[in-house]
PDB file of N, CA and C in Angstrom:
ATOM      1  N   MET A   1       0.809  -1.165  -0.005  1.00  0.00           N
ATOM      2  CA  MET A   1       0.085   0.020   0.091  1.00  0.00           C
ATOM      3  C   MET A   1       0.783   1.387   0.062  1.00  0.00           C
ATOM      4  N   LEU A   2       2.090   1.102   0.471  1.00  0.00           N
ATOM      5  CA  LEU A   2       2.808   2.320   0.492  1.00  0.00           C
ATOM      6  C   LEU A   2       3.304   2.986  -0.822  1.00  0.00           C
ATOM      7  N   GLN A   3       3.201   2.019  -1.910  1.00  0.00           N
ATOM      8  CA  GLN A   3       3.565   2.420  -3.363  1.00  0.00           C
ATOM      9  C   GLN A   3       2.388   2.954  -4.017  1.00  0.00           C
ATOM     10  N   MET A   4       1.220   2.849  -3.405  1.00  0.00           N
ATOM     11  CA  MET A   4      -0.154   3.372  -4.102  1.00  0.00           C
ATOM     12  C   MET A   4      -0.082   4.829  -4.246  1.00  0.00           C
ATOM     13  N   GLU A   5      -0.851   5.407  -5.108  1.00  0.00           N
ATOM     14  CA  GLU A   5      -0.976   6.852  -5.071  1.00  0.00           C
ATOM     15  C   GLU A   5      -1.741   7.150  -3.793  1.00  0.00           C
ATOM     16  N   GLU A   6      -1.877   8.447  -3.496  1.00  0.00           N
ATOM     17  CA  GLU A   6      -2.513   8.801  -2.307  1.00  0.00           C
ATOM     18  C   GLU A   6      -4.061   8.559  -2.389  1.00  0.00           C
ATOM     19  N   GLY A   7      -4.746   8.860  -3.291  1.00  0.00           N
ATOM     20  CA  GLY A   7      -6.118   8.616  -3.609  1.00  0.00           C
ATOM     21  C   GLY A   7      -6.432   7.168  -3.507  1.00  0.00           C
ATOM     22  N   GLN A   8      -5.661   6.262  -4.026  1.00  0.00           N
ATOM     23  CA  GLN A   8      -5.906   4.919  -4.010  1.00  0.00           C
ATOM     24  C   GLN A   8      -5.662   4.303  -2.554  1.00  0.00           C
ATOM     25  N   ARG A   9      -4.572   5.064  -2.027  1.00  0.00           N
ATOM     26  CA  ARG A   9      -4.335   4.470  -0.609  1.00  0.00           C
ATOM     27  C   ARG A   9      -5.342   4.834   0.362  1.00  0.00           C
ATOM     28  N   LEU A  10      -5.918   6.098   0.204  1.00  0.00           N
ATOM     29  CA  LEU A  10      -7.007   6.598   1.079  1.00  0.00           C
ATOM     30  C   LEU A  10      -8.169   5.636   0.989  1.00  0.00           C
ATOM     31  N   LEU A  11      -8.620   5.252  -0.298  1.00  0.00           N
ATOM     32  CA  LEU A  11      -9.718   4.426  -0.562  1.00  0.00           C
ATOM     33  C   LEU A  11      -9.625   3.082   0.001  1.00  0.00           C
ATOM     34  N   CYS A  12      -8.402   2.562  -0.126  1.00  0.00           N
ATOM     35  CA  CYS A  12      -8.130   1.184   0.402  1.00  0.00           C
ATOM     36  C   CYS A  12      -8.163   1.256   1.969  1.00  0.00           C
ATOM     37  N   GLU A  13      -7.514   2.165   2.505  1.00  0.00           N
ATOM     38  CA  GLU A  13      -7.533   2.391   3.939  1.00  0.00           C
ATOM     39  C   GLU A  13      -9.048   2.399   4.479  1.00  0.00           C
ATOM     40  N   SER A  14      -9.839   3.333   3.798  1.00  0.00           N
ATOM     41  CA  SER A  14     -11.288   3.476   4.273  1.00  0.00           C
ATOM     42  C   SER A  14     -11.990   2.037   4.242  1.00  0.00           C
ATOM     43  N   LEU A  15     -11.816   1.337   3.211  1.00  0.00           N
ATOM     44  CA  LEU A  15     -12.465   0.111   2.885  1.00  0.00           C
ATOM     45  C   LEU A  15     -12.086  -0.973   4.031  1.00  0.00           C
ATOM     46  N   ILE A  16     -10.686  -1.029   4.267  1.00  0.00           N
ATOM     47  CA  ILE A  16     -10.172  -1.818   5.239  1.00  0.00           C
ATOM     48  C   ILE A  16     -10.801  -1.610   6.621  1.00  0.00           C
ATOM     49  N   LEU A  17     -10.762  -0.264   6.989  1.00  0.00           N
ATOM     50  CA  LEU A  17     -11.178   0.154   8.279  1.00  0.00           C
ATOM     51  C   LEU A  17     -12.667  -0.218   8.453  1.00  0.00           C
ATOM     52  N   GLU A  18     -13.447  -0.089   7.268  1.00  0.00           N
ATOM     53  CA  GLU A  18     -15.063  -0.364   7.373  1.00  0.00           C
ATOM     54  C   GLU A  18     -15.293  -1.894   7.605  1.00  0.00           C
ATOM     55  N   ALA A  19     -14.372  -2.666   6.856  1.00  0.00           N
ATOM     56  CA  ALA A  19     -14.365  -4.111   6.874  1.00  0.00           C
ATOM     57  C   ALA A  19     -14.168  -4.515   8.403  1.00  0.00           C
ATOM     58  N   LEU A  20     -13.117  -4.005   9.021  1.00  0.00           N
ATOM     59  CA  LEU A  20     -12.668  -4.268  10.295  1.00  0.00           C
ATOM     60  C   LEU A  20     -13.807  -3.852  11.261  1.00  0.00           C
ATOM     61  N   ASN A  21     -14.317  -2.718  11.160  1.00  0.00           N
ATOM     62  CA  ASN A  21     -15.359  -2.279  12.091  1.00  0.00           C
ATOM     63  C   ASN A  21     -16.527  -3.127  12.011  1.00  0.00           C
ATOM     64  N   LYS A  22     -16.984  -3.553  10.730  1.00  0.00           N
ATOM     65  CA  LYS A  22     -18.211  -4.345  10.606  1.00  0.00           C
ATOM     66  C   LYS A  22     -17.863  -5.797  11.265  1.00  0.00           C
ATOM     67  N   GLY A  23     -16.687  -6.302  11.154  1.00  0.00           N
ATOM     68  CA  GLY A  23     -16.403  -7.582  11.613  1.00  0.00           C
ATOM     69  C   GLY A  23     -16.297  -7.546  13.044  1.00  0.00           C
ATOM     70  N   LEU A  24     -15.790  -6.398  13.631  1.00  0.00           N
ATOM     71  CA  LEU A  24     -15.877  -6.392  15.219  1.00  0.00           C
ATOM     72  C   LEU A  24     -17.178  -6.210  15.767  1.00  0.00           C
ATOM     73  N   ARG A  25     -18.234  -5.552  15.053  1.00  0.00           N
ATOM     74  CA  ARG A  25     -19.443  -5.472  15.475  1.00  0.00           C
ATOM     75  C   ARG A  25     -20.433  -6.489  15.109  1.00  0.00           C
ATOM     76  N   GLY A  26     -19.757  -7.692  14.319  1.00  0.00           N
ATOM     77  CA  GLY A  26     -20.613  -8.665  13.804  1.00  0.00           C
ATOM     78  C   GLY A  26     -21.509  -8.373  12.873  1.00  0.00           C
ATOM     79  N   GLN A  27     -21.276  -7.453  11.983  1.00  0.00           N
ATOM     80  CA  GLN A  27     -22.233  -7.048  10.939  1.00  0.00           C
ATOM     81  C   GLN A  27     -21.852  -7.392   9.589  1.00  0.00           C
ATOM     82  N   MET A  28     -20.932  -8.298   9.616  1.00  0.00           N
ATOM     83  CA  MET A  28     -20.406  -8.814   8.136  1.00  0.00           C
ATOM     84  C   MET A  28     -21.627  -9.676   7.640  1.00  0.00           C
ATOM     85  N   THR A  29     -22.021  -9.591   6.446  1.00  0.00           N
ATOM     86  CA  THR A  29     -22.976 -10.403   5.927  1.00  0.00           C
ATOM     87  C   THR A  29     -22.429 -11.034   4.596  1.00  0.00           C
ATOM     88  N   CYS A  30     -23.222 -12.001   4.002  1.00  0.00           N
ATOM     89  CA  CYS A  30     -22.600 -12.680   2.814  1.00  0.00           C
ATOM     90  C   CYS A  30     -22.210 -11.743   1.683  1.00  0.00           C
ATOM     91  N   PRO A  31     -23.041 -10.753   1.392  1.00  0.00           N
ATOM     92  CA  PRO A  31     -22.488  -9.764   0.311  1.00  0.00           C
ATOM     93  C   PRO A  31     -21.244  -9.036   0.685  1.00  0.00           C
ATOM     94  N   THR A  32     -20.967  -8.782   1.985  1.00  0.00           N
ATOM     95  CA  THR A  32     -19.854  -8.047   2.437  1.00  0.00           C
ATOM     96  C   THR A  32     -18.585  -8.992   2.134  1.00  0.00           C
ATOM     97  N   ILE A  33     -18.652 -10.212   2.411  1.00  0.00           N
ATOM     98  CA  ILE A  33     -17.496 -11.190   2.312  1.00  0.00           C
ATOM     99  C   ILE A  33     -17.359 -11.581   0.783  1.00  0.00           C
ATOM    100  N   PRO A  34     -16.198 -11.204   0.202  1.00  0.00           N
ATOM    101  CA  PRO A  34     -16.152 -11.539  -1.389  1.00  0.00           C
ATOM    102  C   PRO A  34     -16.090 -12.948  -1.583  1.00  0.00           C
ATOM    103  N   PRO A  35     -16.729 -13.310  -2.759  1.00  0.00           N
ATOM    104  CA  PRO A  35     -16.818 -14.775  -3.064  1.00  0.00           C
ATOM    105  C   PRO A  35     -15.407 -15.326  -3.403  1.00  0.00           C
ATOM    106  N   PRO A  36     -15.241 -16.636  -3.212  1.00  0.00           N
ATOM    107  CA  PRO A  36     -13.879 -17.308  -3.532  1.00  0.00           C
ATOM    108  C   PRO A  36     -13.655 -17.012  -5.194  1.00  0.00           C
ATOM    109  N   PRO A  37     -12.355 -16.753  -5.468  1.00  0.00           N
ATOM    110  CA  PRO A  37     -12.152 -16.524  -6.932  1.00  0.00           C
ATOM    111  C   PRO A  37     -12.629 -17.669  -7.917  1.00  0.00           C
ATOM    112  N   GLY A  38     -13.065 -17.308  -8.934  1.00  0.00           N
ATOM    113  CA  GLY A  38     -13.617 -18.119  -9.916  1.00  0.00           C
ATOM    114  C   GLY A  38     -12.363 -18.649 -10.779  1.00  0.00           C
ATOM    115  N   PRO A  39     -12.776 -19.363 -11.971  1.00  0.00           N
ATOM    116  CA  PRO A  39     -11.587 -19.923 -12.773  1.00  0.00           C
ATOM    117  C   PRO A  39     -10.904 -18.713 -13.410  1.00  0.00           C
ATOM    118  N   THR A  40      -9.579 -18.836 -13.610  1.00  0.00           N
ATOM    119  CA  THR A  40      -8.968 -17.771 -14.193  1.00  0.00           C
ATOM    120  C   THR A  40      -9.208 -17.668 -15.731  1.00  0.00           C
ATOM    121  N   PRO A  41      -9.307 -16.525 -16.385  1.00  0.00           N
ATOM    122  CA  PRO A  41      -9.421 -16.390 -17.796  1.00  0.00           C
ATOM    123  C   PRO A  41      -8.197 -16.872 -18.431  1.00  0.00           C
ATOM    124  N   PRO A  42      -8.269 -17.321 -19.666  1.00  0.00           N
ATOM    125  CA  PRO A  42      -7.144 -17.691 -20.327  1.00  0.00           C
ATOM    126  C   PRO A  42      -6.252 -16.464 -20.611  1.00  0.00           C
ATOM    127  N   PRO A  43      -4.964 -16.695 -20.700  1.00  0.00           N
ATOM    128  CA  PRO A  43      -3.984 -15.632 -20.988  1.00  0.00           C
ATOM    129  C   PRO A  43      -4.265 -15.022 -22.360  1.00  0.00           C
ATOM    130  N   ALA A  44      -4.061 -13.603 -22.374  1.00  0.00           N
ATOM    131  CA  ALA A  44      -4.375 -12.817 -23.568  1.00  0.00           C
ATOM    132  C   ALA A  44      -3.252 -13.293 -24.573  1.00  0.00           C
ATOM    133  N   THR A  45      -3.702 -13.289 -25.734  1.00  0.00           N
ATOM    134  CA  THR A  45      -2.791 -13.591 -27.024  1.00  0.00           C
ATOM    135  C   THR A  45      -2.706 -12.378 -27.850  1.00  0.00           C
ATOM    136  N   SER A  46      -1.598 -12.196 -28.382  1.00  0.00           N
ATOM    137  CA  SER A  46      -1.468 -11.029 -29.214  1.00  0.00           C
ATOM    138  C   SER A  46      -1.849 -11.539 -30.634  1.00  0.00           C
ATOM    139  N   PRO A  47      -2.473 -10.695 -31.432  1.00  0.00           N
ATOM    140  CA  PRO A  47      -2.792 -11.067 -32.840  1.00  0.00           C
ATOM    141  C   PRO A  47      -1.491 -11.563 -33.688  1.00  0.00           C
ATOM    142  N   THR A  48      -1.685 -12.365 -34.603  1.00  0.00           N
ATOM    143  CA  THR A  48      -0.716 -12.773 -35.517  1.00  0.00           C
ATOM    144  C   THR A  48      -0.359 -11.639 -36.405  1.00  0.00           C
ATOM    145  N   PRO A  49       0.858 -11.224 -36.432  1.00  0.00           N
ATOM    146  CA  PRO A  49       1.114 -10.191 -37.469  1.00  0.00           C
ATOM    147  C   PRO A  49       0.944 -10.535 -38.773  1.00  0.00           C
ATOM    148  N   GLU A  50       0.362  -9.616 -39.608  1.00  0.00           N
ATOM    149  CA  GLU A  50       0.166  -9.830 -40.973  1.00  0.00           C
ATOM    150  C   GLU A  50       1.354  -9.675 -41.699  1.00  0.00           C
ATOM    151  N   PRO A  51       1.694 -10.496 -42.842  1.00  0.00           N
ATOM    152  CA  PRO A  51       2.815 -10.427 -43.572  1.00  0.00           C
ATOM    153  C   PRO A  51       2.788  -9.065 -44.295  1.00  0.00           C
ATOM    154  N   GLN A  52       3.945  -8.341 -44.281  1.00  0.00           N
ATOM    155  CA  GLN A  52       4.012  -7.081 -45.101  1.00  0.00           C
ATOM    156  C   GLN A  52       4.550  -7.347 -46.389  1.00  0.00           C
ATOM    157  N   LEU A  53       3.854  -6.869 -47.463  1.00  0.00           N
ATOM    158  CA  LEU A  53       4.130  -7.033 -48.749  1.00  0.00           C
ATOM    159  C   LEU A  53       5.105  -5.877 -49.231  1.00  0.00           C
ATOM    160  N   GLY A  54       5.956  -6.121 -50.150  1.00  0.00           N
ATOM    161  CA  GLY A  54       6.841  -5.113 -50.704  1.00  0.00           C
ATOM    162  C   GLY A  54       8.193  -4.819 -50.127  1.00  0.00           C
ATOM    163  N   ARG A  55       8.513  -5.705 -49.294  1.00  0.00           N
ATOM    164  CA  ARG A  55       9.866  -5.622 -48.603  1.00  0.00           C
ATOM    165  C   ARG A  55      10.816  -6.410 -49.306  1.00  0.00           C
ATOM    166  N   LYS A  56      12.024  -5.784 -49.498  1.00  0.00           N
ATOM    167  CA  LYS A  56      13.138  -6.605 -50.183  1.00  0.00           C
ATOM    168  C   LYS A  56      13.707  -7.515 -49.056  1.00  0.00           C
ATOM    169  N   ARG A  57      14.345  -8.582 -49.595  1.00  0.00           N
ATOM    170  CA  ARG A  57      15.188  -9.361 -48.542  1.00  0.00           C
ATOM    171  C   ARG A  57      16.347  -8.696 -48.275  1.00  0.00           C
ATOM    172  N   GLY A  58      16.842  -8.943 -46.860  1.00  0.00           N
ATOM    173  CA  GLY A  58      17.928  -8.248 -46.252  1.00  0.00           C
ATOM    174  C   GLY A  58      19.224  -9.011 -46.990  1.00  0.00           C
ATOM    175  N   LYS A  59      20.373  -8.117 -46.959  1.00  0.00           N
ATOM    176  CA  LYS A  59      21.566  -8.747 -47.392  1.00  0.00           C
ATOM    177  C   LYS A  59      22.029  -9.765 -46.469  1.00  0.00           C
ATOM    178  N   LYS A  60      22.706 -10.727 -47.003  1.00  0.00           N
ATOM    179  CA  LYS A  60      23.384 -11.726 -46.096  1.00  0.00           C
ATOM    180  C   LYS A  60      24.570 -11.134 -45.539  1.00  0.00           C
ATOM    181  N   THR A  61      24.945 -11.470 -44.380  1.00  0.00           N
ATOM    182  CA  THR A  61      26.142 -10.943 -43.714  1.00  0.00           C
ATOM    183  C   THR A  61      27.134 -11.987 -43.828  1.00  0.00           C
ATOM    184  N   ARG A  62      28.504 -11.825 -43.902  1.00  0.00           N
ATOM    185  CA  ARG A  62      29.554 -12.656 -43.566  1.00  0.00           C
ATOM    186  C   ARG A  62      29.766 -13.032 -42.233  1.00  0.00           C
ATOM    187  N   LYS A  63      30.066 -14.192 -41.924  1.00  0.00           N
ATOM    188  CA  LYS A  63      30.593 -14.595 -40.592  1.00  0.00           C
ATOM    189  C   LYS A  63      31.968 -14.185 -40.200  1.00  0.00           C
TER     190      LYS A  63
END
């Protein structure tokens, strides 16, 4: 949390404090508790690059 921007940090702190206070007062309800994580989505794939026409072959270099 120390590396967050100030606005994000304040929002997180207020949410954590609210959850802590509700838990101490016994006011946590099912909607308050986040559901377990579902299946993870497949990794994003980048589109296959289209072949570019009109390019000449590069010169071969000597070793």
